[in-house]
């Protein structure tokens, strides 16, 4: 018969094993995504046509994104549904 101490050691070992498997899965996923993925897809800004400003061939010389009606982007529903206003890549940024 196992003592309480043996049961506790078994439970701790099992818990430690599960936690290490979860951490390995997370680390392997992030490492794989970093090695095989394209971080620019997460960081680049997209225009209304889905082109990455400053990166895709059509808009390589246009690194700036312009929103026609920025007030639509601050609505609470924009977090879920996105900013529904035309967006275009610009070559030069302007000041008012």
N, C-alpha and C. Protein backbone atom coordinates (compact mmCIF):
# COMPACT_ATOMS: atom_id res chain seq x y z
N UNK A 1 0.83 -1.16 0.00
CA UNK A 1 0.00 0.00 0.00
C UNK A 1 0.89 1.24 0.00
N UNK A 2 0.50 2.23 -0.81
CA UNK A 2 1.27 3.45 -0.90
C UNK A 2 0.91 4.39 0.25
N UNK A 3 1.92 5.04 0.77
CA UNK A 3 1.67 6.00 1.84
C UNK A 3 1.20 7.33 1.24
N UNK A 4 0.77 8.22 2.09
CA UNK A 4 0.31 9.53 1.64
C UNK A 4 1.46 10.26 0.94
N UNK A 5 2.66 10.13 1.45
CA UNK A 5 3.82 10.78 0.85
C UNK A 5 4.07 10.23 -0.55
N UNK A 6 3.94 8.91 -0.72
CA UNK A 6 4.13 8.32 -2.04
C UNK A 6 3.07 8.81 -3.02
N UNK A 7 1.82 8.91 -2.56
CA UNK A 7 0.74 9.41 -3.41
C UNK A 7 0.99 10.87 -3.81
N UNK A 8 1.47 11.66 -2.86
CA UNK A 8 1.75 13.06 -3.16
C UNK A 8 2.90 13.18 -4.16
N UNK A 9 3.91 12.38 -4.01
CA UNK A 9 5.04 12.41 -4.94
C UNK A 9 4.60 11.98 -6.33
N UNK A 10 3.74 10.98 -6.40
CA UNK A 10 3.22 10.53 -7.69
C UNK A 10 2.39 11.63 -8.35
N UNK A 11 1.52 12.28 -7.57
CA UNK A 11 0.69 13.36 -8.11
C UNK A 11 1.54 14.53 -8.58
N UNK A 12 2.56 14.88 -7.82
CA UNK A 12 3.45 15.97 -8.22
C UNK A 12 4.21 15.61 -9.49
N UNK A 13 4.68 14.39 -9.57
CA UNK A 13 5.41 13.95 -10.77
C UNK A 13 4.49 13.97 -11.99
N UNK A 14 3.25 13.51 -11.82
CA UNK A 14 2.28 13.50 -12.92
C UNK A 14 1.97 14.93 -13.35
N UNK A 15 1.74 15.81 -12.40
CA UNK A 15 1.46 17.21 -12.68
C UNK A 15 2.64 17.86 -13.40
N UNK A 16 3.85 17.59 -12.92
CA UNK A 16 5.06 18.14 -13.53
C UNK A 16 5.20 17.65 -14.98
N UNK A 17 4.89 16.40 -15.22
CA UNK A 17 4.97 15.83 -16.56
C UNK A 17 3.97 16.50 -17.50
N UNK A 18 2.74 16.70 -17.04
CA UNK A 18 1.71 17.34 -17.86
C UNK A 18 2.10 18.79 -18.17
N UNK A 19 2.56 19.51 -17.17
CA UNK A 19 2.96 20.90 -17.37
C UNK A 19 4.13 20.98 -18.35
N UNK A 20 5.10 20.11 -18.24
CA UNK A 20 6.24 20.15 -19.16
C UNK A 20 5.80 19.82 -20.59
N UNK A 21 4.84 18.90 -20.75
CA UNK A 21 4.33 18.60 -22.09
C UNK A 21 3.61 19.81 -22.69
N UNK A 22 2.82 20.51 -21.89
CA UNK A 22 2.12 21.70 -22.37
C UNK A 22 3.13 22.78 -22.77
N UNK A 23 4.14 23.01 -21.94
CA UNK A 23 5.15 24.02 -22.26
C UNK A 23 5.93 23.65 -23.51
N UNK A 24 6.25 22.38 -23.68
CA UNK A 24 6.94 21.94 -24.89
C UNK A 24 6.08 22.18 -26.12
N UNK A 25 4.80 21.89 -26.02
CA UNK A 25 3.88 22.10 -27.14
C UNK A 25 3.82 23.59 -27.50
N UNK A 26 3.70 24.44 -26.49
CA UNK A 26 3.66 25.89 -26.74
C UNK A 26 4.96 26.35 -27.35
N UNK A 27 6.08 25.96 -26.78
CA UNK A 27 7.38 26.38 -27.30
C UNK A 27 7.59 25.89 -28.72
N UNK A 28 7.25 24.63 -28.98
CA UNK A 28 7.43 24.09 -30.32
C UNK A 28 6.56 24.82 -31.33
N UNK A 29 5.34 25.17 -30.94
CA UNK A 29 4.44 25.90 -31.83
C UNK A 29 5.01 27.27 -32.16
N UNK A 30 5.47 28.01 -31.15
CA UNK A 30 6.01 29.34 -31.39
C UNK A 30 7.31 29.27 -32.19
N UNK A 31 8.17 28.33 -31.86
CA UNK A 31 9.43 28.20 -32.60
C UNK A 31 9.15 27.83 -34.05
N UNK A 32 8.25 26.90 -34.27
CA UNK A 32 7.90 26.50 -35.63
C UNK A 32 7.29 27.66 -36.39
N UNK A 33 6.40 28.41 -35.76
CA UNK A 33 5.78 29.56 -36.41
C UNK A 33 6.82 30.62 -36.75
N UNK A 34 7.76 30.81 -35.86
CA UNK A 34 8.80 31.81 -36.10
C UNK A 34 9.73 31.37 -37.22
N UNK A 35 10.11 30.09 -37.24
CA UNK A 35 11.06 29.60 -38.25
C UNK A 35 10.39 29.48 -39.62
N UNK A 36 9.18 28.93 -39.66
CA UNK A 36 8.53 28.64 -40.93
C UNK A 36 7.49 29.68 -41.35
N UNK A 37 7.15 30.57 -40.44
CA UNK A 37 6.09 31.54 -40.74
C UNK A 37 6.63 32.84 -41.30
N UNK A 38 5.75 33.78 -41.50
CA UNK A 38 6.09 35.10 -42.02
C UNK A 38 5.54 36.15 -41.06
N UNK A 39 6.40 36.68 -40.16
CA UNK A 39 5.94 37.67 -39.20
C UNK A 39 5.36 38.92 -39.86
N UNK A 40 5.76 39.20 -41.10
CA UNK A 40 5.22 40.36 -41.80
C UNK A 40 3.72 40.26 -41.99
N UNK A 41 3.18 39.04 -42.05
CA UNK A 41 1.74 38.89 -42.20
C UNK A 41 1.00 39.39 -40.97
N UNK A 42 1.64 39.33 -39.82
CA UNK A 42 1.02 39.82 -38.60
C UNK A 42 1.26 41.31 -38.39
N UNK A 43 2.40 41.78 -38.85
CA UNK A 43 2.79 43.16 -38.56
C UNK A 43 2.43 44.15 -39.66
N UNK A 44 2.25 43.68 -40.88
CA UNK A 44 2.00 44.58 -42.00
C UNK A 44 0.58 45.12 -41.97
N UNK A 45 0.44 46.32 -42.49
CA UNK A 45 -0.89 46.92 -42.60
C UNK A 45 -1.47 46.60 -43.97
N UNK A 46 -2.75 46.29 -44.02
CA UNK A 46 -3.41 45.90 -45.26
C UNK A 46 -4.35 46.99 -45.73
N UNK A 47 -4.38 47.20 -47.04
CA UNK A 47 -5.35 48.14 -47.59
C UNK A 47 -6.66 47.41 -47.85
N UNK A 48 -7.64 48.09 -48.43
CA UNK A 48 -8.96 47.49 -48.66
C UNK A 48 -8.92 46.30 -49.61
N UNK A 49 -7.89 46.23 -50.43
CA UNK A 49 -7.77 45.10 -51.37
C UNK A 49 -7.00 43.93 -50.78
N UNK A 50 -6.50 44.08 -49.55
CA UNK A 50 -5.75 43.01 -48.90
C UNK A 50 -4.27 43.04 -49.23
N UNK A 51 -3.79 44.12 -49.83
CA UNK A 51 -2.37 44.25 -50.15
C UNK A 51 -1.63 44.81 -48.94
N UNK A 52 -0.43 44.32 -48.72
CA UNK A 52 0.39 44.77 -47.59
C UNK A 52 1.18 46.00 -48.01
N UNK A 53 0.84 47.13 -47.42
CA UNK A 53 1.49 48.40 -47.78
C UNK A 53 3.00 48.32 -47.58
N UNK A 54 3.73 48.65 -48.63
CA UNK A 54 5.18 48.65 -48.57
C UNK A 54 5.82 47.29 -48.78
N UNK A 55 5.03 46.23 -48.87
CA UNK A 55 5.59 44.89 -49.01
C UNK A 55 5.19 44.20 -50.30
N UNK A 56 3.91 44.24 -50.66
CA UNK A 56 3.47 43.57 -51.88
C UNK A 56 3.93 44.35 -53.10
N UNK A 57 4.13 43.65 -54.22
CA UNK A 57 4.71 44.24 -55.42
C UNK A 57 3.94 45.48 -55.90
N UNK A 58 2.62 45.41 -55.89
CA UNK A 58 1.80 46.53 -56.39
C UNK A 58 1.94 47.80 -55.56
N UNK A 59 2.22 47.63 -54.30
CA UNK A 59 2.28 48.78 -53.39
C UNK A 59 3.62 48.86 -52.65
N UNK A 60 4.67 48.32 -53.26
CA UNK A 60 5.98 48.29 -52.60
C UNK A 60 6.48 49.70 -52.28
N UNK A 61 6.19 50.66 -53.16
CA UNK A 61 6.65 52.04 -52.94
C UNK A 61 5.63 52.88 -52.17
N UNK A 62 4.64 52.23 -51.57
CA UNK A 62 3.59 52.93 -50.82
C UNK A 62 3.48 52.33 -49.41
N UNK A 63 4.32 52.78 -48.49
CA UNK A 63 4.36 52.16 -47.16
C UNK A 63 3.33 52.67 -46.15
N UNK A 64 2.62 53.74 -46.47
CA UNK A 64 1.70 54.35 -45.51
C UNK A 64 0.26 53.95 -45.80
N UNK A 65 -0.50 53.68 -44.74
CA UNK A 65 -1.92 53.33 -44.87
C UNK A 65 -2.77 54.52 -44.49
N UNK A 66 -3.74 54.83 -45.34
CA UNK A 66 -4.64 55.96 -45.10
C UNK A 66 -6.06 55.42 -44.95
N UNK A 67 -6.73 55.82 -43.86
CA UNK A 67 -8.13 55.48 -43.60
C UNK A 67 -8.98 56.69 -43.99
N UNK A 68 -9.99 56.49 -44.82
CA UNK A 68 -10.82 57.60 -45.24
C UNK A 68 -11.67 58.16 -44.10
N UNK A 69 -12.22 57.31 -43.26
CA UNK A 69 -13.04 57.77 -42.13
C UNK A 69 -12.59 57.04 -40.88
N UNK A 70 -11.60 57.60 -40.23
CA UNK A 70 -10.99 56.96 -39.05
C UNK A 70 -11.96 56.83 -37.89
N UNK A 71 -13.03 57.63 -37.86
CA UNK A 71 -14.00 57.54 -36.76
C UNK A 71 -14.71 56.19 -36.75
N UNK A 72 -14.78 55.53 -37.88
CA UNK A 72 -15.40 54.20 -37.92
C UNK A 72 -14.52 53.14 -37.24
N UNK A 73 -13.26 53.44 -37.07
CA UNK A 73 -12.33 52.48 -36.47
C UNK A 73 -12.33 52.53 -34.95
N UNK A 74 -12.93 53.57 -34.36
CA UNK A 74 -12.95 53.67 -32.89
C UNK A 74 -14.27 53.19 -32.31
N UNK A 75 -15.16 52.71 -33.15
CA UNK A 75 -16.42 52.15 -32.65
C UNK A 75 -16.13 50.83 -31.94
N UNK A 76 -16.85 50.52 -30.86
CA UNK A 76 -16.61 49.27 -30.13
C UNK A 76 -16.71 48.02 -31.01
N UNK A 77 -17.64 48.01 -31.96
CA UNK A 77 -17.80 46.82 -32.79
C UNK A 77 -16.65 46.64 -33.78
N UNK A 78 -15.82 47.66 -33.98
CA UNK A 78 -14.69 47.56 -34.90
C UNK A 78 -13.65 46.56 -34.41
N UNK A 79 -13.62 46.32 -33.10
CA UNK A 79 -12.67 45.34 -32.56
C UNK A 79 -12.95 43.96 -33.13
N UNK A 80 -14.22 43.63 -33.28
CA UNK A 80 -14.62 42.32 -33.77
C UNK A 80 -14.78 42.30 -35.29
N UNK A 81 -15.49 43.29 -35.81
CA UNK A 81 -15.83 43.26 -37.24
C UNK A 81 -14.81 43.96 -38.13
N UNK A 82 -13.89 44.72 -37.55
CA UNK A 82 -12.90 45.43 -38.34
C UNK A 82 -13.34 46.86 -38.62
N UNK A 83 -12.48 47.60 -39.23
CA UNK A 83 -12.72 49.00 -39.54
C UNK A 83 -13.27 49.11 -40.95
N UNK A 84 -14.58 49.37 -41.06
CA UNK A 84 -15.25 49.39 -42.36
C UNK A 84 -15.21 50.78 -42.98
N UNK A 85 -14.06 51.12 -43.51
CA UNK A 85 -13.87 52.35 -44.26
C UNK A 85 -12.81 52.06 -45.31
N UNK A 86 -12.88 52.69 -46.47
CA UNK A 86 -11.85 52.43 -47.48
C UNK A 86 -10.46 52.76 -46.95
N UNK A 87 -9.52 51.90 -47.27
CA UNK A 87 -8.14 52.07 -46.84
C UNK A 87 -7.24 51.92 -48.06
N UNK A 88 -6.32 52.85 -48.23
CA UNK A 88 -5.41 52.80 -49.38
C UNK A 88 -3.98 53.01 -48.91
N UNK A 89 -3.06 52.44 -49.65
CA UNK A 89 -1.64 52.64 -49.39
C UNK A 89 -1.20 53.92 -50.09
N UNK A 90 -0.40 54.72 -49.41
CA UNK A 90 0.10 55.97 -49.97
C UNK A 90 1.62 55.96 -50.04
N UNK A 91 2.13 56.64 -51.05
CA UNK A 91 3.58 56.74 -51.21
C UNK A 91 4.14 57.79 -50.26
N UNK A 92 3.45 58.92 -50.14
CA UNK A 92 3.90 60.00 -49.27
C UNK A 92 2.85 60.26 -48.22
N UNK A 93 3.30 60.59 -47.03
CA UNK A 93 2.37 60.95 -45.98
C UNK A 93 2.25 62.46 -45.98
N UNK A 94 1.09 62.95 -45.71
CA UNK A 94 0.89 64.39 -45.74
C UNK A 94 0.52 64.91 -44.37
N UNK A 95 0.75 66.18 -44.16
CA UNK A 95 0.35 66.81 -42.91
C UNK A 95 -0.61 67.93 -43.24
N UNK A 96 -1.50 68.24 -42.32
CA UNK A 96 -2.52 69.27 -42.58
C UNK A 96 -1.99 70.63 -42.29
